[in-house]
Amino acid sequence: MARALIVALVLLCAACGIVRPPSMDTRGADSFEDDVRAARELSEEFWKQQFQQLGRDYQPVRDFIPYSGESGPSCGGEPSVPNNAFYCPAGHFIAYDQSWMRMLWEKMGDGSVYVIIPHEFGHAVQAQLQTSFALNVQLELQADCYAGATLSALVSAQALTPEEGDENELFISLAAAGDPTDDWLNPSAHGTAEQRQASFVKGYRGGVGAC
């Protein structure tokens, strides 16, 4: 997607953010907490089934930790930071700044939750599969691809029902998390908005095998 279109979508979202679209969760999730819970449970169920198909046992994350600001758990001696969500391989847990994620949920819709949480579960899967790449950005883009594959499978299974505007929410969320420049050698690089969107779409269209 062109950057100009991304900017237009962000402005459009900001303009209509007073009324949030209904949740995609077919079980009737209508609150931030409901969507976070659904995103976690559905993502883990999806990966449990994927591992079973490979004849392997999926190990659920040991904890799923909300925090605020700088109060989050440390990971391998490194402190958590505000406005973030992360998977910690040392403790096999996922943590997220709940104030930050709630703000995204309120301004962008529940699509942000159904991108961020499946992305972090993608990292948990990488750890279990002992996936390694030469560059961090490759891990991040694969996690985006896994998130797309997860969401596609959940929609196909009718566990989630896309609403009008959900596609824009997903692309806006990915754009907001993209790097400003294409610096693949940066050890903290996640990929540009366009790269992250393309990886997500690859997983959505092609499934886990495309990742």
C-alpha atoms as a PDB file:
ATOM      1  CA  MET A   1       0.000   0.000   0.000  1.00  0.00           C
ATOM      2  CA  ALA A   2       1.369   3.413  -0.881  1.00  0.00           C
ATOM      3  CA  ARG A   3       2.432   5.642   1.998  1.00  0.00           C
ATOM      4  CA  ALA A   4       0.009   8.380   0.867  1.00  0.00           C
ATOM      5  CA  LEU A   5      -2.884   5.955   1.210  1.00  0.00           C
ATOM      6  CA  ILE A   6      -1.669   4.892   4.652  1.00  0.00           C
ATOM      7  CA  VAL A   7      -1.649   8.515   5.803  1.00  0.00           C
ATOM      8  CA  ALA A   8      -5.152   8.994   4.386  1.00  0.00           C
ATOM      9  CA  LEU A   9      -6.417   5.945   6.249  1.00  0.00           C
ATOM     10  CA  VAL A  10      -4.878   7.136   9.519  1.00  0.00           C
ATOM     11  CA  LEU A  11      -6.567  10.531   9.128  1.00  0.00           C
ATOM     12  CA  LEU A  12      -9.849   8.856   8.261  1.00  0.00           C
ATOM     13  CA  CYS A  13      -9.596   6.631  11.318  1.00  0.00           C
ATOM     14  CA  ALA A  14      -8.842   9.596  13.565  1.00  0.00           C
ATOM     15  CA  ALA A  15     -11.839  11.458  12.164  1.00  0.00           C
ATOM     16  CA  CYS A  16     -14.306   8.642  12.828  1.00  0.00           C
ATOM     17  CA  GLY A  17     -12.846   7.309  16.057  1.00  0.00           C
ATOM     18  CA  ILE A  18     -15.813   8.358  18.196  1.00  0.00           C
ATOM     19  CA  VAL A  19     -17.808   5.240  17.354  1.00  0.00           C
ATOM     20  CA  ARG A  20     -15.819   2.013  17.499  1.00  0.00           C
ATOM     21  CA  PRO A  21     -16.842  -0.808  15.126  1.00  0.00           C
ATOM     22  CA  PRO A  22     -18.202  -4.004  16.722  1.00  0.00           C
ATOM     23  CA  SER A  23     -15.811  -6.745  17.733  1.00  0.00           C
ATOM     24  CA  MET A  24     -14.812  -9.382  15.207  1.00  0.00           C
ATOM     25  CA  ASP A  25     -15.173 -12.070  17.879  1.00  0.00           C
ATOM     26  CA  THR A  26     -18.278 -14.137  17.097  1.00  0.00           C
ATOM     27  CA  ARG A  27     -18.681 -14.943  20.799  1.00  0.00           C
ATOM     28  CA  GLY A  28     -19.892 -11.400  21.369  1.00  0.00           C
ATOM     29  CA  ALA A  29     -16.811  -9.720  22.806  1.00  0.00           C
ATOM     30  CA  ASP A  30     -17.731  -6.083  23.298  1.00  0.00           C
ATOM     31  CA  SER A  31     -15.015  -4.765  25.587  1.00  0.00           C
ATOM     32  CA  PHE A  32     -11.269  -4.293  25.388  1.00  0.00           C
ATOM     33  CA  GLU A  33     -10.747  -7.057  27.944  1.00  0.00           C
ATOM     34  CA  ASP A  34     -12.983  -9.406  25.942  1.00  0.00           C
ATOM     35  CA  ASP A  35     -11.034  -8.796  22.742  1.00  0.00           C
ATOM     36  CA  VAL A  36      -7.662  -9.284  24.441  1.00  0.00           C
ATOM     37  CA  ARG A  37      -8.871 -12.537  25.995  1.00  0.00           C
ATOM     38  CA  ALA A  38     -10.306 -13.742  22.692  1.00  0.00           C
ATOM     39  CA  ALA A  39      -7.145 -12.872  20.761  1.00  0.00           C
ATOM     40  CA  ARG A  40      -5.045 -14.856  23.223  1.00  0.00           C
ATOM     41  CA  GLU A  41      -7.313 -17.906  23.440  1.00  0.00           C
ATOM     42  CA  LEU A  42      -7.985 -18.132  19.719  1.00  0.00           C
ATOM     43  CA  SER A  43      -4.322 -17.654  18.787  1.00  0.00           C
ATOM     44  CA  GLU A  44      -3.212 -20.413  21.138  1.00  0.00           C
ATOM     45  CA  GLU A  45      -5.915 -22.783  19.907  1.00  0.00           C
ATOM     46  CA  PHE A  46      -4.852 -22.124  16.317  1.00  0.00           C
ATOM     47  CA  TRP A  47      -1.197 -22.921  17.052  1.00  0.00           C
ATOM     48  CA  LYS A  48      -2.117 -25.966  19.127  1.00  0.00           C
ATOM     49  CA  GLN A  49      -3.862 -27.390  16.069  1.00  0.00           C
ATOM     50  CA  GLN A  50      -0.977 -26.451  13.783  1.00  0.00           C
ATOM     51  CA  PHE A  51       1.533 -28.240  16.004  1.00  0.00           C
ATOM     52  CA  GLN A  52      -0.729 -31.301  16.250  1.00  0.00           C
ATOM     53  CA  GLN A  53      -0.716 -31.520  12.455  1.00  0.00           C
ATOM     54  CA  LEU A  54       3.084 -31.635  12.629  1.00  0.00           C
ATOM     55  CA  GLY A  55       3.010 -34.324  15.308  1.00  0.00           C
ATOM     56  CA  ARG A  56       4.367 -31.917  17.909  1.00  0.00           C
ATOM     57  CA  ASP A  57       3.091 -30.568  21.219  1.00  0.00           C
ATOM     58  CA  TYR A  58       2.458 -26.856  21.461  1.00  0.00           C
ATOM     59  CA  GLN A  59       3.531 -25.350  24.774  1.00  0.00           C
ATOM     60  CA  PRO A  60       1.139 -22.557  25.820  1.00  0.00           C
ATOM     61  CA  VAL A  61       2.782 -19.391  27.098  1.00  0.00           C
ATOM     62  CA  ARG A  62       3.380 -19.576  30.833  1.00  0.00           C
ATOM     63  CA  ASP A  63       1.898 -16.164  31.487  1.00  0.00           C
ATOM     64  CA  PHE A  64       0.117 -13.308  29.749  1.00  0.00           C
ATOM     65  CA  ILE A  65       0.943 -10.159  31.666  1.00  0.00           C
ATOM     66  CA  PRO A  66      -0.698  -6.736  31.439  1.00  0.00           C
ATOM     67  CA  TYR A  67       1.331  -3.818  32.748  1.00  0.00           C
ATOM     68  CA  SER A  68       1.300  -0.029  32.681  1.00  0.00           C
ATOM     69  CA  GLY A  69       4.168   2.269  31.749  1.00  0.00           C
ATOM     70  CA  GLU A  70       7.437   1.078  33.239  1.00  0.00           C
ATOM     71  CA  SER A  71       5.872  -1.427  35.660  1.00  0.00           C
ATOM     72  CA  GLY A  72       6.190  -4.431  33.354  1.00  0.00           C
ATOM     73  CA  PRO A  73       8.213  -7.582  33.940  1.00  0.00           C
ATOM     74  CA  SER A  74      11.861  -7.803  32.991  1.00  0.00           C
ATOM     75  CA  CYS A  75      13.030 -10.280  30.380  1.00  0.00           C
ATOM     76  CA  GLY A  76      16.502 -11.750  30.592  1.00  0.00           C
ATOM     77  CA  GLY A  77      17.587  -8.831  32.753  1.00  0.00           C
ATOM     78  CA  GLU A  78      16.180  -6.234  30.345  1.00  0.00           C
ATOM     79  CA  PRO A  79      13.394  -3.977  31.668  1.00  0.00           C
ATOM     80  CA  SER A  80      10.090  -3.649  29.855  1.00  0.00           C
ATOM     81  CA  VAL A  81       9.281  -0.327  28.243  1.00  0.00           C
ATOM     82  CA  PRO A  82       6.062   1.690  27.915  1.00  0.00           C
ATOM     83  CA  ASN A  83       3.876   1.501  24.797  1.00  0.00           C
ATOM     84  CA  ASN A  84       4.969  -1.989  23.885  1.00  0.00           C
ATOM     85  CA  ALA A  85       4.046  -5.651  23.718  1.00  0.00           C
ATOM     86  CA  PHE A  86       6.658  -8.374  23.720  1.00  0.00           C
ATOM     87  CA  TYR A  87       7.328 -12.079  23.953  1.00  0.00           C
ATOM     88  CA  CYS A  88      10.009 -13.120  26.439  1.00  0.00           C
ATOM     89  CA  PRO A  89      11.739 -16.374  25.432  1.00  0.00           C
ATOM     90  CA  ALA A  90      13.555 -16.579  28.777  1.00  0.00           C
ATOM     91  CA  GLY A  91      10.264 -16.891  30.657  1.00  0.00           C
ATOM     92  CA  HIS A  92       8.041 -18.032  27.754  1.00  0.00           C
ATOM     93  CA  PHE A  93       5.528 -15.286  28.489  1.00  0.00           C
ATOM     94  CA  ILE A  94       3.869 -12.401  26.695  1.00  0.00           C
ATOM     95  CA  ALA A  95       3.486  -8.974  28.286  1.00  0.00           C
ATOM     96  CA  TYR A  96       1.746  -5.852  27.027  1.00  0.00           C
ATOM     97  CA  ASP A  97       1.229  -2.270  28.144  1.00  0.00           C
ATOM     98  CA  GLN A  98      -2.512  -2.377  28.680  1.00  0.00           C
ATOM     99  CA  SER A  99      -2.987   1.411  28.670  1.00  0.00           C
ATOM    100  CA  TRP A 100      -1.232   1.680  25.311  1.00  0.00           C
ATOM    101  CA  MET A 101      -3.111  -1.244  23.780  1.00  0.00           C
ATOM    102  CA  ARG A 102      -6.429   0.063  25.079  1.00  0.00           C
ATOM    103  CA  MET A 103      -5.673   3.430  23.466  1.00  0.00           C
ATOM    104  CA  LEU A 104      -5.061   1.691  20.128  1.00  0.00           C
ATOM    105  CA  TRP A 105      -8.255  -0.329  20.572  1.00  0.00           C
ATOM    106  CA  GLU A 106     -10.260   2.834  21.219  1.00  0.00           C
ATOM    107  CA  LYS A 107      -8.741   4.860  18.375  1.00  0.00           C
ATOM    108  CA  MET A 108      -8.177   2.178  15.716  1.00  0.00           C
ATOM    109  CA  GLY A 109     -10.690  -0.496  16.608  1.00  0.00           C
ATOM    110  CA  ASP A 110     -10.221  -4.101  17.698  1.00  0.00           C
ATOM    111  CA  GLY A 111      -8.137  -4.864  14.602  1.00  0.00           C
ATOM    112  CA  SER A 112      -5.118  -3.560  16.510  1.00  0.00           C
ATOM    113  CA  VAL A 113      -5.566  -6.249  19.178  1.00  0.00           C
ATOM    114  CA  TYR A 114      -5.949  -8.960  16.547  1.00  0.00           C
ATOM    115  CA  VAL A 115      -2.643  -7.892  14.975  1.00  0.00           C
ATOM    116  CA  ILE A 116      -0.482  -7.271  18.035  1.00  0.00           C
ATOM    117  CA  ILE A 117      -1.347 -10.354  20.077  1.00  0.00           C
ATOM    118  CA  PRO A 118      -1.091 -12.894  17.218  1.00  0.00           C
ATOM    119  CA  HIS A 119       2.224 -11.242  16.268  1.00  0.00           C
ATOM    120  CA  GLU A 120       3.613 -11.913  19.755  1.00  0.00           C
ATOM    121  CA  PHE A 121       2.340 -15.480  19.629  1.00  0.00           C
ATOM    122  CA  GLY A 122       4.234 -15.737  16.361  1.00  0.00           C
ATOM    123  CA  HIS A 123       7.409 -15.049  18.327  1.00  0.00           C
ATOM    124  CA  ALA A 124       6.438 -17.710  20.872  1.00  0.00           C
ATOM    125  CA  VAL A 125       6.088 -20.180  18.007  1.00  0.00           C
ATOM    126  CA  GLN A 126       9.462 -19.172  16.580  1.00  0.00           C
ATOM    127  CA  ALA A 127      11.035 -19.916  19.956  1.00  0.00           C
ATOM    128  CA  GLN A 128       9.450 -23.369  20.106  1.00  0.00           C
ATOM    129  CA  LEU A 129      10.497 -24.159  16.556  1.00  0.00           C
ATOM    130  CA  GLN A 130      13.949 -22.702  17.273  1.00  0.00           C
ATOM    131  CA  THR A 131      13.638 -20.466  14.239  1.00  0.00           C
ATOM    132  CA  SER A 132      16.668 -18.300  13.575  1.00  0.00           C
ATOM    133  CA  PHE A 133      17.518 -15.669  10.998  1.00  0.00           C
ATOM    134  CA  ALA A 134      20.601 -13.591  10.390  1.00  0.00           C
ATOM    135  CA  LEU A 135      18.655 -10.355  10.945  1.00  0.00           C
ATOM    136  CA  ASN A 136      16.066  -9.384  13.540  1.00  0.00           C
ATOM    137  CA  VAL A 137      13.821  -7.805  10.921  1.00  0.00           C
ATOM    138  CA  GLN A 138      13.385 -11.236   9.319  1.00  0.00           C
ATOM    139  CA  LEU A 139      12.028 -12.622  12.595  1.00  0.00           C
ATOM    140  CA  GLU A 140       9.667  -9.682  12.918  1.00  0.00           C
ATOM    141  CA  LEU A 141       8.319  -9.957   9.394  1.00  0.00           C
ATOM    142  CA  GLN A 142       7.786 -13.693   9.809  1.00  0.00           C
ATOM    143  CA  ALA A 143       5.828 -12.967  13.010  1.00  0.00           C
ATOM    144  CA  ASP A 144       3.667 -10.561  10.969  1.00  0.00           C
ATOM    145  CA  CYS A 145       3.169 -13.320   8.422  1.00  0.00           C
ATOM    146  CA  TYR A 146       2.172 -15.735  11.198  1.00  0.00           C
ATOM    147  CA  ALA A 147      -0.290 -13.133  12.505  1.00  0.00           C
ATOM    148  CA  GLY A 148      -1.883 -12.912   9.066  1.00  0.00           C
ATOM    149  CA  ALA A 149      -2.103 -16.697   8.814  1.00  0.00           C
ATOM    150  CA  THR A 150      -3.667 -16.880  12.279  1.00  0.00           C
ATOM    151  CA  LEU A 151      -6.299 -14.273  11.523  1.00  0.00           C
ATOM    152  CA  SER A 152      -7.155 -15.836   8.164  1.00  0.00           C
ATOM    153  CA  ALA A 153      -7.639 -19.260   9.728  1.00  0.00           C
ATOM    154  CA  LEU A 154      -9.845 -17.850  12.490  1.00  0.00           C
ATOM    155  CA  VAL A 155     -12.004 -16.032   9.949  1.00  0.00           C
ATOM    156  CA  SER A 156     -12.262 -19.192   7.811  1.00  0.00           C
ATOM    157  CA  ALA A 157     -13.268 -21.179  10.903  1.00  0.00           C
ATOM    158  CA  GLN A 158     -15.882 -18.489  11.672  1.00  0.00           C
ATOM    159  CA  ALA A 159     -14.335 -17.839  15.059  1.00  0.00           C
ATOM    160  CA  LEU A 160     -13.942 -14.231  13.890  1.00  0.00           C
ATOM    161  CA  THR A 161     -16.230 -12.314  11.586  1.00  0.00           C
ATOM    162  CA  PRO A 162     -14.734  -9.370   9.686  1.00  0.00           C
ATOM    163  CA  GLU A 163     -16.780  -6.188   9.867  1.00  0.00           C
ATOM    164  CA  GLU A 164     -16.781  -3.334   7.403  1.00  0.00           C
ATOM    165  CA  GLY A 165     -13.636  -1.299   8.003  1.00  0.00           C
ATOM    166  CA  ASP A 166     -11.661  -4.099   9.679  1.00  0.00           C
ATOM    167  CA  GLU A 167      -9.227  -4.300   6.768  1.00  0.00           C
ATOM    168  CA  ASN A 168      -8.390  -0.633   7.216  1.00  0.00           C
ATOM    169  CA  GLU A 169      -7.908  -1.170  10.966  1.00  0.00           C
ATOM    170  CA  LEU A 170      -5.421  -3.963  10.343  1.00  0.00           C
ATOM    171  CA  PHE A 171      -3.406  -2.008   7.801  1.00  0.00           C
ATOM    172  CA  ILE A 172      -3.390   1.127   9.942  1.00  0.00           C
ATOM    173  CA  SER A 173      -2.138  -0.885  12.922  1.00  0.00           C
ATOM    174  CA  LEU A 174       0.687  -2.360  10.876  1.00  0.00           C
ATOM    175  CA  ALA A 175       1.549   1.025   9.388  1.00  0.00           C
ATOM    176  CA  ALA A 176       1.713   2.626  12.824  1.00  0.00           C
ATOM    177  CA  ALA A 177       4.200  -0.039  13.962  1.00  0.00           C
ATOM    178  CA  GLY A 178       6.430   0.210  10.880  1.00  0.00           C
ATOM    179  CA  ASP A 179       9.970   1.558  10.910  1.00  0.00           C
ATOM    180  CA  PRO A 180      10.451   5.019   9.372  1.00  0.00           C
ATOM    181  CA  THR A 181      13.305   3.775   7.160  1.00  0.00           C
ATOM    182  CA  ASP A 182      14.351   0.507   5.564  1.00  0.00           C
ATOM    183  CA  ASP A 183      17.329  -0.307   7.811  1.00  0.00           C
ATOM    184  CA  TRP A 184      17.622  -4.085   7.788  1.00  0.00           C
ATOM    185  CA  LEU A 185      20.920  -4.076   9.670  1.00  0.00           C
ATOM    186  CA  ASN A 186      19.452  -2.291  12.671  1.00  0.00           C
ATOM    187  CA  PRO A 187      19.205  -4.947  15.434  1.00  0.00           C
ATOM    188  CA  SER A 188      15.853  -3.524  16.533  1.00  0.00           C
ATOM    189  CA  ALA A 189      14.367  -3.198  13.043  1.00  0.00           C
ATOM    190  CA  HIS A 190      10.827  -4.495  12.518  1.00  0.00           C
ATOM    191  CA  GLY A 191      10.367  -3.542   8.872  1.00  0.00           C
ATOM    192  CA  THR A 192       8.739  -0.574   7.183  1.00  0.00           C
ATOM    193  CA  ALA A 193       4.972  -0.136   7.075  1.00  0.00           C
ATOM    194  CA  GLU A 194       4.860  -1.534   3.551  1.00  0.00           C
ATOM    195  CA  GLN A 195       7.040  -4.541   4.435  1.00  0.00           C
ATOM    196  CA  ARG A 196       4.964  -5.371   7.506  1.00  0.00           C
ATOM    197  CA  GLN A 197       1.724  -5.086   5.590  1.00  0.00           C
ATOM    198  CA  ALA A 198       3.065  -7.252   2.759  1.00  0.00           C
ATOM    199  CA  SER A 199       4.190  -9.954   5.210  1.00  0.00           C
ATOM    200  CA  PHE A 200       0.831  -9.940   6.966  1.00  0.00           C
ATOM    201  CA  VAL A 201      -1.006 -10.252   3.645  1.00  0.00           C
ATOM    202  CA  LYS A 202       1.296 -13.098   2.575  1.00  0.00           C
ATOM    203  CA  GLY A 203       0.304 -15.068   5.656  1.00  0.00           C
ATOM    204  CA  TYR A 204      -3.365 -14.149   5.330  1.00  0.00           C
ATOM    205  CA  ARG A 205      -3.515 -15.356   1.754  1.00  0.00           C
ATOM    206  CA  GLY A 206      -1.096 -18.285   1.901  1.00  0.00           C
ATOM    207  CA  GLY A 207      -1.329 -19.566   5.459  1.00  0.00           C
ATOM    208  CA  VAL A 208       1.520 -20.671   7.720  1.00  0.00           C
ATOM    209  CA  GLY A 209       3.269 -22.472   4.865  1.00  0.00           C
ATOM    210  CA  ALA A 210       3.792 -19.154   3.091  1.00  0.00           C
ATOM    211  CA  CYS A 211       5.732 -17.775   6.053  1.00  0.00           C
END
